[in-house]
Amino acid sequence: MKLVTAVLKPFKLDDVREALSDIGVSGITVTEVKGFGRQKGHTELYRGSEYVVDFLPKVKVEIALSDEQVEEAVDSIIKAANTGKIGDGKIFITELEKVVRIRTGETGAEAL
């Protein structure tokens, strides 16, 4: 089992959700986050004063998947989230040691 974490531009969230739904992914967790990578933020003008926006708004999507689903899910996220511009985001894949469904007590892949 793997945990796929994708950090994306907020306006791409619906496209990613639909793409994941199309391949049978039934559950995701979404968090509004702020951060920066190579973009390093940008400057904005507000009431005649210039200021630096260091942390840009992003969304973090987390999906627990069986090993067999990971590649297809990552490909779907890349296709749906890609704008071709800097700041499109990143995908992190980590090993999940154990998953437990609280309601039934199921563990492992059955709990996904």
PDB file of N, CA and C in Angstrom:
ATOM      1  N   MET A   1       0.838  -1.184   0.000  1.00  0.00           N
ATOM      2  CA  MET A   1       0.000   0.000   0.000  1.00  0.00           C
ATOM      3  C   MET A   1       0.877   1.240   0.000  1.00  0.00           C
ATOM      4  N   LYS A   2       0.381   2.271  -0.652  1.00  0.00           N
ATOM      5  CA  LYS A   2       1.141   3.517  -0.759  1.00  0.00           C
ATOM      6  C   LYS A   2       0.239   4.697  -0.429  1.00  0.00           C
ATOM      7  N   LEU A   3       0.872   5.775   0.037  1.00  0.00           N
ATOM      8  CA  LEU A   3       0.193   7.046   0.225  1.00  0.00           C
ATOM      9  C   LEU A   3       0.722   7.985  -0.846  1.00  0.00           C
ATOM     10  N   VAL A   4      -0.168   8.432  -1.731  1.00  0.00           N
ATOM     11  CA  VAL A   4       0.197   9.368  -2.785  1.00  0.00           C
ATOM     12  C   VAL A   4      -0.242  10.747  -2.315  1.00  0.00           C
ATOM     13  N   THR A   5       0.719  11.665  -2.223  1.00  0.00           N
ATOM     14  CA  THR A   5       0.449  13.036  -1.803  1.00  0.00           C
ATOM     15  C   THR A   5       0.814  13.954  -2.959  1.00  0.00           C
ATOM     16  N   ALA A   6      -0.157  14.734  -3.414  1.00  0.00           N
ATOM     17  CA  ALA A   6       0.075  15.656  -4.522  1.00  0.00           C
ATOM     18  C   ALA A   6      -0.203  17.075  -4.042  1.00  0.00           C
ATOM     19  N   VAL A   7       0.723  17.988  -4.345  1.00  0.00           N
ATOM     20  CA  VAL A   7       0.547  19.406  -4.040  1.00  0.00           C
ATOM     21  C   VAL A   7       0.308  20.109  -5.368  1.00  0.00           C
ATOM     22  N   LEU A   8      -0.840  20.777  -5.492  1.00  0.00           N
ATOM     23  CA  LEU A   8      -1.311  21.280  -6.778  1.00  0.00           C
ATOM     24  C   LEU A   8      -1.763  22.729  -6.700  1.00  0.00           C
ATOM     25  N   LYS A   9      -1.939  23.316  -7.876  1.00  0.00           N
ATOM     26  CA  LYS A   9      -2.587  24.620  -7.954  1.00  0.00           C
ATOM     27  C   LYS A   9      -4.065  24.429  -7.615  1.00  0.00           C
ATOM     28  N   PRO A  10      -4.640  25.324  -6.808  1.00  0.00           N
ATOM     29  CA  PRO A  10      -6.026  25.132  -6.357  1.00  0.00           C
ATOM     30  C   PRO A  10      -7.049  24.978  -7.483  1.00  0.00           C
ATOM     31  N   PHE A  11      -6.889  25.711  -8.578  1.00  0.00           N
ATOM     32  CA  PHE A  11      -7.895  25.652  -9.637  1.00  0.00           C
ATOM     33  C   PHE A  11      -7.863  24.335 -10.402  1.00  0.00           C
ATOM     34  N   LYS A  12      -6.866  23.483 -10.147  1.00  0.00           N
ATOM     35  CA  LYS A  12      -6.776  22.180 -10.807  1.00  0.00           C
ATOM     36  C   LYS A  12      -7.410  21.050  -9.981  1.00  0.00           C
ATOM     37  N   LEU A  13      -7.895  21.370  -8.799  1.00  0.00           N
ATOM     38  CA  LEU A  13      -8.430  20.339  -7.907  1.00  0.00           C
ATOM     39  C   LEU A  13      -9.593  19.566  -8.529  1.00  0.00           C
ATOM     40  N   ASP A  14     -10.559  20.251  -9.106  1.00  0.00           N
ATOM     41  CA  ASP A  14     -11.711  19.558  -9.692  1.00  0.00           C
ATOM     42  C   ASP A  14     -11.296  18.631 -10.836  1.00  0.00           C
ATOM     43  N   ASP A  15     -10.353  19.079 -11.658  1.00  0.00           N
ATOM     44  CA  ASP A  15      -9.868  18.238 -12.755  1.00  0.00           C
ATOM     45  C   ASP A  15      -9.212  16.968 -12.216  1.00  0.00           C
ATOM     46  N   VAL A  16      -8.416  17.118 -11.160  1.00  0.00           N
ATOM     47  CA  VAL A  16      -7.727  15.964 -10.563  1.00  0.00           C
ATOM     48  C   VAL A  16      -8.741  15.021  -9.925  1.00  0.00           C
ATOM     49  N   ARG A  17      -9.715  15.575  -9.202  1.00  0.00           N
ATOM     50  CA  ARG A  17     -10.742  14.745  -8.563  1.00  0.00           C
ATOM     51  C   ARG A  17     -11.501  13.928  -9.606  1.00  0.00           C
ATOM     52  N   GLU A  18     -11.879  14.565 -10.714  1.00  0.00           N
ATOM     53  CA  GLU A  18     -12.591  13.861 -11.781  1.00  0.00           C
ATOM     54  C   GLU A  18     -11.723  12.781 -12.424  1.00  0.00           C
ATOM     55  N   ALA A  19     -10.452  13.096 -12.661  1.00  0.00           N
ATOM     56  CA  ALA A  19      -9.543  12.125 -13.266  1.00  0.00           C
ATOM     57  C   ALA A  19      -9.367  10.906 -12.363  1.00  0.00           C
ATOM     58  N   LEU A  20      -9.260  11.123 -11.071  1.00  0.00           N
ATOM     59  CA  LEU A  20      -9.114  10.008 -10.128  1.00  0.00           C
ATOM     60  C   LEU A  20     -10.401   9.197 -10.035  1.00  0.00           C
ATOM     61  N   SER A  21     -11.526   9.876 -10.052  1.00  0.00           N
ATOM     62  CA  SER A  21     -12.814   9.194 -10.021  1.00  0.00           C
ATOM     63  C   SER A  21     -12.986   8.308 -11.258  1.00  0.00           C
ATOM     64  N   ASP A  22     -12.535   8.791 -12.407  1.00  0.00           N
ATOM     65  CA  ASP A  22     -12.649   8.053 -13.663  1.00  0.00           C
ATOM     66  C   ASP A  22     -11.880   6.723 -13.639  1.00  0.00           C
ATOM     67  N   ILE A  23     -10.814   6.650 -12.837  1.00  0.00           N
ATOM     68  CA  ILE A  23     -10.039   5.402 -12.770  1.00  0.00           C
ATOM     69  C   ILE A  23     -10.420   4.547 -11.557  1.00  0.00           C
ATOM     70  N   GLY A  24     -11.467   4.974 -10.828  1.00  0.00           N
ATOM     71  CA  GLY A  24     -11.976   4.144  -9.742  1.00  0.00           C
ATOM     72  C   GLY A  24     -11.447   4.472  -8.361  1.00  0.00           C
ATOM     73  N   VAL A  25     -10.759   5.593  -8.207  1.00  0.00           N
ATOM     74  CA  VAL A  25     -10.299   5.996  -6.869  1.00  0.00           C
ATOM     75  C   VAL A  25     -11.504   6.555  -6.125  1.00  0.00           C
ATOM     76  N   SER A  26     -11.813   5.960  -4.969  1.00  0.00           N
ATOM     77  CA  SER A  26     -13.067   6.293  -4.303  1.00  0.00           C
ATOM     78  C   SER A  26     -12.925   7.298  -3.172  1.00  0.00           C
ATOM     79  N   GLY A  27     -11.734   7.537  -2.681  1.00  0.00           N
ATOM     80  CA  GLY A  27     -11.605   8.462  -1.561  1.00  0.00           C
ATOM     81  C   GLY A  27     -10.316   9.249  -1.597  1.00  0.00           C
ATOM     82  N   ILE A  28     -10.444  10.562  -1.358  1.00  0.00           N
ATOM     83  CA  ILE A  28      -9.257  11.417  -1.266  1.00  0.00           C
ATOM     84  C   ILE A  28      -9.452  12.363  -0.096  1.00  0.00           C
ATOM     85  N   THR A  29      -8.356  12.879   0.406  1.00  0.00           N
ATOM     86  CA  THR A  29      -8.376  13.905   1.439  1.00  0.00           C
ATOM     87  C   THR A  29      -7.712  15.136   0.860  1.00  0.00           C
ATOM     88  N   VAL A  30      -8.354  16.295   1.020  1.00  0.00           N
ATOM     89  CA  VAL A  30      -7.836  17.539   0.467  1.00  0.00           C
ATOM     90  C   VAL A  30      -7.627  18.536   1.594  1.00  0.00           C
ATOM     91  N   THR A  31      -6.469  19.194   1.575  1.00  0.00           N
ATOM     92  CA  THR A  31      -6.132  20.212   2.558  1.00  0.00           C
ATOM     93  C   THR A  31      -5.665  21.459   1.827  1.00  0.00           C
ATOM     94  N   GLU A  32      -6.135  22.622   2.258  1.00  0.00           N
ATOM     95  CA  GLU A  32      -5.627  23.873   1.714  1.00  0.00           C
ATOM     96  C   GLU A  32      -4.317  24.186   2.427  1.00  0.00           C
ATOM     97  N   VAL A  33      -3.257  24.402   1.642  1.00  0.00           N
ATOM     98  CA  VAL A  33      -1.933  24.651   2.205  1.00  0.00           C
ATOM     99  C   VAL A  33      -1.308  25.858   1.515  1.00  0.00           C
ATOM    100  N   LYS A  34      -0.188  26.310   2.053  1.00  0.00           N
ATOM    101  CA  LYS A  34       0.590  27.371   1.421  1.00  0.00           C
ATOM    102  C   LYS A  34       2.030  26.923   1.359  1.00  0.00           C
ATOM    103  N   GLY A  35       2.736  27.352   0.323  1.00  0.00           N
ATOM    104  CA  GLY A  35       4.129  26.977   0.216  1.00  0.00           C
ATOM    105  C   GLY A  35       4.757  27.550  -1.037  1.00  0.00           C
ATOM    106  N   PHE A  36       6.011  27.186  -1.252  1.00  0.00           N
ATOM    107  CA  PHE A  36       6.693  27.592  -2.482  1.00  0.00           C
ATOM    108  C   PHE A  36       7.797  26.610  -2.776  1.00  0.00           C
ATOM    109  N   GLY A  37       8.155  26.559  -4.038  1.00  0.00           N
ATOM    110  CA  GLY A  37       9.283  25.756  -4.497  1.00  0.00           C
ATOM    111  C   GLY A  37      10.167  26.654  -5.320  1.00  0.00           C
ATOM    112  N   ARG A  38      10.368  26.301  -6.558  1.00  0.00           N
ATOM    113  CA  ARG A  38      11.193  27.122  -7.442  1.00  0.00           C
ATOM    114  C   ARG A  38      10.558  28.466  -7.747  1.00  0.00           C
ATOM    115  N   GLN A  39       9.225  28.559  -7.584  1.00  0.00           N
ATOM    116  CA  GLN A  39       8.535  29.817  -7.829  1.00  0.00           C
ATOM    117  C   GLN A  39       9.051  30.928  -6.917  1.00  0.00           C
ATOM    118  N   LYS A  40       9.348  30.594  -5.699  1.00  0.00           N
ATOM    119  CA  LYS A  40       9.844  31.532  -4.693  1.00  0.00           C
ATOM    120  C   LYS A  40       8.895  32.702  -4.445  1.00  0.00           C
ATOM    121  N   GLY A  41       7.612  32.513  -4.687  1.00  0.00           N
ATOM    122  CA  GLY A  41       6.651  33.575  -4.437  1.00  0.00           C
ATOM    123  C   GLY A  41       6.696  34.632  -5.526  1.00  0.00           C
ATOM    124  N   HIS A  42       6.042  35.771  -5.249  1.00  0.00           N
ATOM    125  CA  HIS A  42       6.017  36.862  -6.210  1.00  0.00           C
ATOM    126  C   HIS A  42       5.680  38.160  -5.481  1.00  0.00           C
ATOM    127  N   THR A  43       5.775  39.277  -6.173  1.00  0.00           N
ATOM    128  CA  THR A  43       5.424  40.558  -5.561  1.00  0.00           C
ATOM    129  C   THR A  43       4.052  40.992  -6.065  1.00  0.00           C
ATOM    130  N   GLU A  44       3.323  41.684  -5.200  1.00  0.00           N
ATOM    131  CA  GLU A  44       2.015  42.209  -5.553  1.00  0.00           C
ATOM    132  C   GLU A  44       1.933  43.663  -5.135  1.00  0.00           C
ATOM    133  N   LEU A  45       1.033  44.369  -5.766  1.00  0.00           N
ATOM    134  CA  LEU A  45       0.801  45.769  -5.462  1.00  0.00           C
ATOM    135  C   LEU A  45      -0.522  45.875  -4.712  1.00  0.00           C
ATOM    136  N   TYR A  46      -0.502  46.509  -3.540  1.00  0.00           N
ATOM    137  CA  TYR A  46      -1.714  46.695  -2.756  1.00  0.00           C
ATOM    138  C   TYR A  46      -1.749  48.116  -2.230  1.00  0.00           C
ATOM    139  N   ARG A  47      -2.751  48.887  -2.633  1.00  0.00           N
ATOM    140  CA  ARG A  47      -2.909  50.282  -2.224  1.00  0.00           C
ATOM    141  C   ARG A  47      -1.634  51.093  -2.441  1.00  0.00           C
ATOM    142  N   GLY A  48      -1.021  50.862  -3.593  1.00  0.00           N
ATOM    143  CA  GLY A  48       0.156  51.626  -3.965  1.00  0.00           C
ATOM    144  C   GLY A  48       1.464  51.128  -3.388  1.00  0.00           C
ATOM    145  N   SER A  49       1.405  50.124  -2.511  1.00  0.00           N
ATOM    146  CA  SER A  49       2.627  49.578  -1.918  1.00  0.00           C
ATOM    147  C   SER A  49       2.902  48.198  -2.483  1.00  0.00           C
ATOM    148  N   GLU A  50       4.172  47.917  -2.739  1.00  0.00           N
ATOM    149  CA  GLU A  50       4.569  46.616  -3.244  1.00  0.00           C
ATOM    150  C   GLU A  50       4.967  45.733  -2.067  1.00  0.00           C
ATOM    151  N   TYR A  51       4.506  44.498  -2.056  1.00  0.00           N
ATOM    152  CA  TYR A  51       4.918  43.567  -1.010  1.00  0.00           C
ATOM    153  C   TYR A  51       5.127  42.182  -1.611  1.00  0.00           C
ATOM    154  N   VAL A  52       5.905  41.379  -0.904  1.00  0.00           N
ATOM    155  CA  VAL A  52       6.273  40.050  -1.391  1.00  0.00           C
ATOM    156  C   VAL A  52       5.321  39.007  -0.814  1.00  0.00           C
ATOM    157  N   VAL A  53       4.785  38.162  -1.678  1.00  0.00           N
ATOM    158  CA  VAL A  53       3.973  37.031  -1.253  1.00  0.00           C
ATOM    159  C   VAL A  53       4.900  35.810  -1.295  1.00  0.00           C
ATOM    160  N   ASP A  54       5.372  35.397  -0.116  1.00  0.00           N
ATOM    161  CA  ASP A  54       6.329  34.294  -0.046  1.00  0.00           C
ATOM    162  C   ASP A  54       5.668  32.937  -0.220  1.00  0.00           C
ATOM    163  N   PHE A  55       4.529  32.757   0.405  1.00  0.00           N
ATOM    164  CA  PHE A  55       3.861  31.465   0.377  1.00  0.00           C
ATOM    165  C   PHE A  55       2.628  31.549  -0.508  1.00  0.00           C
ATOM    166  N   LEU A  56       2.589  30.684  -1.511  1.00  0.00           N
ATOM    167  CA  LEU A  56       1.500  30.688  -2.479  1.00  0.00           C
ATOM    168  C   LEU A  56       0.443  29.657  -2.086  1.00  0.00           C
ATOM    169  N   PRO A  57      -0.830  29.954  -2.341  1.00  0.00           N
ATOM    170  CA  PRO A  57      -1.882  28.987  -2.007  1.00  0.00           C
ATOM    171  C   PRO A  57      -1.788  27.750  -2.902  1.00  0.00           C
ATOM    172  N   LYS A  58      -1.909  26.594  -2.284  1.00  0.00           N
ATOM    173  CA  LYS A  58      -1.891  25.301  -2.973  1.00  0.00           C
ATOM    174  C   LYS A  58      -2.930  24.408  -2.316  1.00  0.00           C
ATOM    175  N   VAL A  59      -3.203  23.272  -2.921  1.00  0.00           N
ATOM    176  CA  VAL A  59      -4.001  22.236  -2.269  1.00  0.00           C
ATOM    177  C   VAL A  59      -3.166  20.970  -2.205  1.00  0.00           C
ATOM    178  N   LYS A  60      -3.319  20.253  -1.099  1.00  0.00           N
ATOM    179  CA  LYS A  60      -2.631  18.975  -0.929  1.00  0.00           C
ATOM    180  C   LYS A  60      -3.689  17.876  -0.971  1.00  0.00           C
ATOM    181  N   VAL A  61      -3.498  16.950  -1.902  1.00  0.00           N
ATOM    182  CA  VAL A  61      -4.413  15.829  -2.075  1.00  0.00           C
ATOM    183  C   VAL A  61      -3.690  14.577  -1.596  1.00  0.00           C
ATOM    184  N   GLU A  62      -4.333  13.829  -0.704  1.00  0.00           N
ATOM    185  CA  GLU A  62      -3.737  12.594  -0.186  1.00  0.00           C
ATOM    186  C   GLU A  62      -4.656  11.423  -0.527  1.00  0.00           C
ATOM    187  N   ILE A  63      -4.040  10.356  -1.046  1.00  0.00           N
ATOM    188  CA  ILE A  63      -4.804   9.187  -1.472  1.00  0.00           C
ATOM    189  C   ILE A  63      -4.069   7.932  -1.013  1.00  0.00           C
ATOM    190  N   ALA A  64      -4.749   7.073  -0.276  1.00  0.00           N
ATOM    191  CA  ALA A  64      -4.194   5.774   0.103  1.00  0.00           C
ATOM    192  C   ALA A  64      -4.614   4.770  -0.964  1.00  0.00           C
ATOM    193  N   LEU A  65      -3.627   4.078  -1.549  1.00  0.00           N
ATOM    194  CA  LEU A  65      -3.897   3.182  -2.680  1.00  0.00           C
ATOM    195  C   LEU A  65      -3.198   1.841  -2.516  1.00  0.00           C
ATOM    196  N   SER A  66      -3.757   0.837  -3.173  1.00  0.00           N
ATOM    197  CA  SER A  66      -3.043  -0.431  -3.278  1.00  0.00           C
ATOM    198  C   SER A  66      -1.884  -0.225  -4.249  1.00  0.00           C
ATOM    199  N   ASP A  67      -0.882  -1.056  -4.150  1.00  0.00           N
ATOM    200  CA  ASP A  67       0.302  -0.916  -5.008  1.00  0.00           C
ATOM    201  C   ASP A  67      -0.060  -0.937  -6.491  1.00  0.00           C
ATOM    202  N   GLU A  68      -1.082  -1.710  -6.850  1.00  0.00           N
ATOM    203  CA  GLU A  68      -1.464  -1.848  -8.252  1.00  0.00           C
ATOM    204  C   GLU A  68      -2.072  -0.567  -8.823  1.00  0.00           C
ATOM    205  N   GLN A  69      -2.650   0.278  -7.985  1.00  0.00           N
ATOM    206  CA  GLN A  69      -3.329   1.491  -8.445  1.00  0.00           C
ATOM    207  C   GLN A  69      -2.413   2.699  -8.576  1.00  0.00           C
ATOM    208  N   VAL A  70      -1.227   2.638  -7.999  1.00  0.00           N
ATOM    209  CA  VAL A  70      -0.385   3.825  -7.857  1.00  0.00           C
ATOM    210  C   VAL A  70      -0.001   4.454  -9.190  1.00  0.00           C
ATOM    211  N   GLU A  71       0.546   3.685 -10.111  1.00  0.00           N
ATOM    212  CA  GLU A  71       1.034   4.259 -11.366  1.00  0.00           C
ATOM    213  C   GLU A  71      -0.084   4.928 -12.165  1.00  0.00           C
ATOM    214  N   GLU A  72      -1.233   4.262 -12.228  1.00  0.00           N
ATOM    215  CA  GLU A  72      -2.360   4.826 -12.971  1.00  0.00           C
ATOM    216  C   GLU A  72      -2.844   6.128 -12.317  1.00  0.00           C
ATOM    217  N   ALA A  73      -2.868   6.144 -10.987  1.00  0.00           N
ATOM    218  CA  ALA A  73      -3.296   7.353 -10.270  1.00  0.00           C
ATOM    219  C   ALA A  73      -2.311   8.495 -10.487  1.00  0.00           C
ATOM    220  N   VAL A  74      -1.022   8.211 -10.415  1.00  0.00           N
ATOM    221  CA  VAL A  74      -0.004   9.243 -10.633  1.00  0.00           C
ATOM    222  C   VAL A  74      -0.103   9.788 -12.051  1.00  0.00           C
ATOM    223  N   ASP A  75      -0.259   8.923 -13.032  1.00  0.00           N
ATOM    224  CA  ASP A  75      -0.410   9.373 -14.421  1.00  0.00           C
ATOM    225  C   ASP A  75      -1.644  10.262 -14.585  1.00  0.00           C
ATOM    226  N   SER A  76      -2.738   9.881 -13.942  1.00  0.00           N
ATOM    227  CA  SER A  76      -3.970  10.674 -14.023  1.00  0.00           C
ATOM    228  C   SER A  76      -3.784  12.050 -13.387  1.00  0.00           C
ATOM    229  N   ILE A  77      -3.102  12.101 -12.255  1.00  0.00           N
ATOM    230  CA  ILE A  77      -2.855  13.383 -11.585  1.00  0.00           C
ATOM    231  C   ILE A  77      -1.994  14.273 -12.466  1.00  0.00           C
ATOM    232  N   ILE A  78      -0.944  13.711 -13.035  1.00  0.00           N
ATOM    233  CA  ILE A  78      -0.044  14.501 -13.888  1.00  0.00           C
ATOM    234  C   ILE A  78      -0.806  15.089 -15.074  1.00  0.00           C
ATOM    235  N   LYS A  79      -1.609  14.271 -15.735  1.00  0.00           N
ATOM    236  CA  LYS A  79      -2.356  14.764 -16.898  1.00  0.00           C
ATOM    237  C   LYS A  79      -3.362  15.841 -16.513  1.00  0.00           C
ATOM    238  N   ALA A  80      -4.043  15.658 -15.379  1.00  0.00           N
ATOM    239  CA  ALA A  80      -5.092  16.592 -14.975  1.00  0.00           C
ATOM    240  C   ALA A  80      -4.537  17.889 -14.388  1.00  0.00           C
ATOM    241  N   ALA A  81      -3.379  17.835 -13.734  1.00  0.00           N
ATOM    242  CA  ALA A  81      -2.858  19.010 -13.028  1.00  0.00           C
ATOM    243  C   ALA A  81      -1.868  19.823 -13.853  1.00  0.00           C
ATOM    244  N   ASN A  82      -1.417  19.293 -14.973  1.00  0.00           N
ATOM    245  CA  ASN A  82      -0.378  19.953 -15.758  1.00  0.00           C
ATOM    246  C   ASN A  82      -0.909  21.182 -16.496  1.00  0.00           C
ATOM    247  N   THR A  83      -0.239  22.324 -16.272  1.00  0.00           N
ATOM    248  CA  THR A  83      -0.519  23.533 -17.055  1.00  0.00           C
ATOM    249  C   THR A  83       0.673  23.883 -17.935  1.00  0.00           C
ATOM    250  N   GLY A  84       1.816  23.254 -17.635  1.00  0.00           N
ATOM    251  CA  GLY A  84       3.027  23.559 -18.378  1.00  0.00           C
ATOM    252  C   GLY A  84       3.773  24.765 -17.840  1.00  0.00           C
ATOM    253  N   LYS A  85       3.274  25.341 -16.770  1.00  0.00           N
ATOM    254  CA  LYS A  85       3.903  26.528 -16.180  1.00  0.00           C
ATOM    255  C   LYS A  85       4.529  26.176 -14.836  1.00  0.00           C
ATOM    256  N   ILE A  86       5.455  27.000 -14.411  1.00  0.00           N
ATOM    257  CA  ILE A  86       6.103  26.793 -13.121  1.00  0.00           C
ATOM    258  C   ILE A  86       5.048  26.816 -12.012  1.00  0.00           C
ATOM    259  N   GLY A  87       5.227  25.969 -11.010  1.00  0.00           N
ATOM    260  CA  GLY A  87       4.296  25.923  -9.885  1.00  0.00           C
ATOM    261  C   GLY A  87       3.189  24.899 -10.032  1.00  0.00           C
ATOM    262  N   ASP A  88       3.284  24.009 -11.027  1.00  0.00           N
ATOM    263  CA  ASP A  88       2.250  22.987 -11.198  1.00  0.00           C
ATOM    264  C   ASP A  88       2.170  22.038 -10.011  1.00  0.00           C
ATOM    265  N   GLY A  89       3.262  21.864  -9.287  1.00  0.00           N
ATOM    266  CA  GLY A  89       3.218  21.058  -8.075  1.00  0.00           C
ATOM    267  C   GLY A  89       4.131  19.852  -8.123  1.00  0.00           C
ATOM    268  N   LYS A  90       3.954  19.000  -7.121  1.00  0.00           N
ATOM    269  CA  LYS A  90       4.764  17.790  -6.984  1.00  0.00           C
ATOM    270  C   LYS A  90       3.896  16.656  -6.483  1.00  0.00           C
ATOM    271  N   ILE A  91       4.370  15.428  -6.726  1.00  0.00           N
ATOM    272  CA  ILE A  91       3.710  14.231  -6.219  1.00  0.00           C
ATOM    273  C   ILE A  91       4.729  13.447  -5.401  1.00  0.00           C
ATOM    274  N   PHE A  92       4.328  13.053  -4.198  1.00  0.00           N
ATOM    275  CA  PHE A  92       5.179  12.257  -3.316  1.00  0.00           C
ATOM    276  C   PHE A  92       4.502  10.915  -3.085  1.00  0.00           C
ATOM    277  N   ILE A  93       5.283   9.841  -3.152  1.00  0.00           N
ATOM    278  CA  ILE A  93       4.740   8.502  -2.931  1.00  0.00           C
ATOM    279  C   ILE A  93       5.506   7.877  -1.775  1.00  0.00           C
ATOM    280  N   THR A  94       4.766   7.487  -0.729  1.00  0.00           N
ATOM    281  CA  THR A  94       5.390   6.890   0.456  1.00  0.00           C
ATOM    282  C   THR A  94       4.715   5.555   0.774  1.00  0.00           C
ATOM    283  N   GLU A  95       5.460   4.707   1.433  1.00  0.00           N
ATOM    284  CA  GLU A  95       4.962   3.396   1.831  1.00  0.00           C
ATOM    285  C   GLU A  95       4.007   3.545   3.012  1.00  0.00           C
ATOM    286  N   LEU A  96       2.897   2.809   2.972  1.00  0.00           N
ATOM    287  CA  LEU A  96       1.965   2.765   4.102  1.00  0.00           C
ATOM    288  C   LEU A  96       2.171   1.451   4.833  1.00  0.00           C
ATOM    289  N   GLU A  97       2.499   1.534   6.094  1.00  0.00           N
ATOM    290  CA  GLU A  97       2.747   0.330   6.866  1.00  0.00           C
ATOM    291  C   GLU A  97       1.461  -0.401   7.212  1.00  0.00           C
ATOM    292  N   LYS A  98       0.449   0.372   7.632  1.00  0.00           N
ATOM    293  CA  LYS A  98      -0.800  -0.254   8.059  1.00  0.00           C
ATOM    294  C   LYS A  98      -1.944   0.735   7.879  1.00  0.00           C
ATOM    295  N   VAL A  99      -3.108   0.220   7.510  1.00  0.00           N
ATOM    296  CA  VAL A  99      -4.330   1.017   7.403  1.00  0.00           C
ATOM    297  C   VAL A  99      -5.411   0.289   8.182  1.00  0.00           C
ATOM    298  N   VAL A 100      -6.182   1.039   8.974  1.00  0.00           N
ATOM    299  CA  VAL A 100      -7.274   0.456   9.747  1.00  0.00           C
ATOM    300  C   VAL A 100      -8.541   1.271   9.485  1.00  0.00           C
ATOM    301  N   ARG A 101      -9.608   0.600   9.092  1.00  0.00           N
ATOM    302  CA  ARG A 101     -10.911   1.264   8.941  1.00  0.00           C
ATOM    303  C   ARG A 101     -11.551   1.296  10.327  1.00  0.00           C
ATOM    304  N   ILE A 102     -11.813   2.472  10.820  1.00  0.00           N
ATOM    305  CA  ILE A 102     -12.315   2.640  12.192  1.00  0.00           C
ATOM    306  C   ILE A 102     -13.661   1.946  12.389  1.00  0.00           C
ATOM    307  N   ARG A 103     -14.588   2.121  11.459  1.00  0.00           N
ATOM    308  CA  ARG A 103     -15.948   1.586  11.616  1.00  0.00           C
ATOM    309  C   ARG A 103     -15.969   0.077  11.768  1.00  0.00           C
ATOM    310  N   THR A 104     -15.203  -0.650  10.923  1.00  0.00           N
ATOM    311  CA  THR A 104     -15.290  -2.116  10.899  1.00  0.00           C
ATOM    312  C   THR A 104     -14.087  -2.810  11.523  1.00  0.00           C
ATOM    313  N   GLY A 105     -12.999  -2.083  11.699  1.00  0.00           N
ATOM    314  CA  GLY A 105     -11.787  -2.718  12.216  1.00  0.00           C
ATOM    315  C   GLY A 105     -10.975  -3.427  11.142  1.00  0.00           C
ATOM    316  N   GLU A 106     -11.419  -3.367   9.872  1.00  0.00           N
ATOM    317  CA  GLU A 106     -10.666  -4.001   8.785  1.00  0.00           C
ATOM    318  C   GLU A 106      -9.279  -3.380   8.714  1.00  0.00           C
ATOM    319  N   THR A 107      -8.295  -4.185   8.288  1.00  0.00           N
ATOM    320  CA  THR A 107      -6.935  -3.688   8.168  1.00  0.00           C
ATOM    321  C   THR A 107      -6.391  -3.999   6.779  1.00  0.00           C
ATOM    322  N   GLY A 108      -5.279  -3.346   6.442  1.00  0.00           N
ATOM    323  CA  GLY A 108      -4.611  -3.605   5.178  1.00  0.00           C
ATOM    324  C   GLY A 108      -5.406  -3.117   3.993  1.00  0.00           C
ATOM    325  N   ALA A 109      -5.246  -3.798   2.867  1.00  0.00           N
ATOM    326  CA  ALA A 109      -5.883  -3.388   1.604  1.00  0.00           C
ATOM    327  C   ALA A 109      -7.409  -3.399   1.711  1.00  0.00           C
ATOM    328  N   GLU A 110      -7.989  -4.264   2.554  1.00  0.00           N
ATOM    329  CA  GLU A 110      -9.446  -4.302   2.729  1.00  0.00           C
ATOM    330  C   GLU A 110      -9.959  -2.994   3.331  1.00  0.00           C
ATOM    331  N   ALA A 111      -9.114  -2.288   4.071  1.00  0.00           N
ATOM    332  CA  ALA A 111      -9.517  -1.037   4.731  1.00  0.00           C
ATOM    333  C   ALA A 111      -9.512   0.148   3.773  1.00  0.00           C
ATOM    334  N   LEU A 112      -8.883  -0.017   2.619  1.00  0.00           N
ATOM    335  CA  LEU A 112      -8.831   1.091   1.662  1.00  0.00           C
ATOM    336  C   LEU A 112     -10.200   1.268   1.029  1.00  0.00           C
TER     337      LEU A 112
END
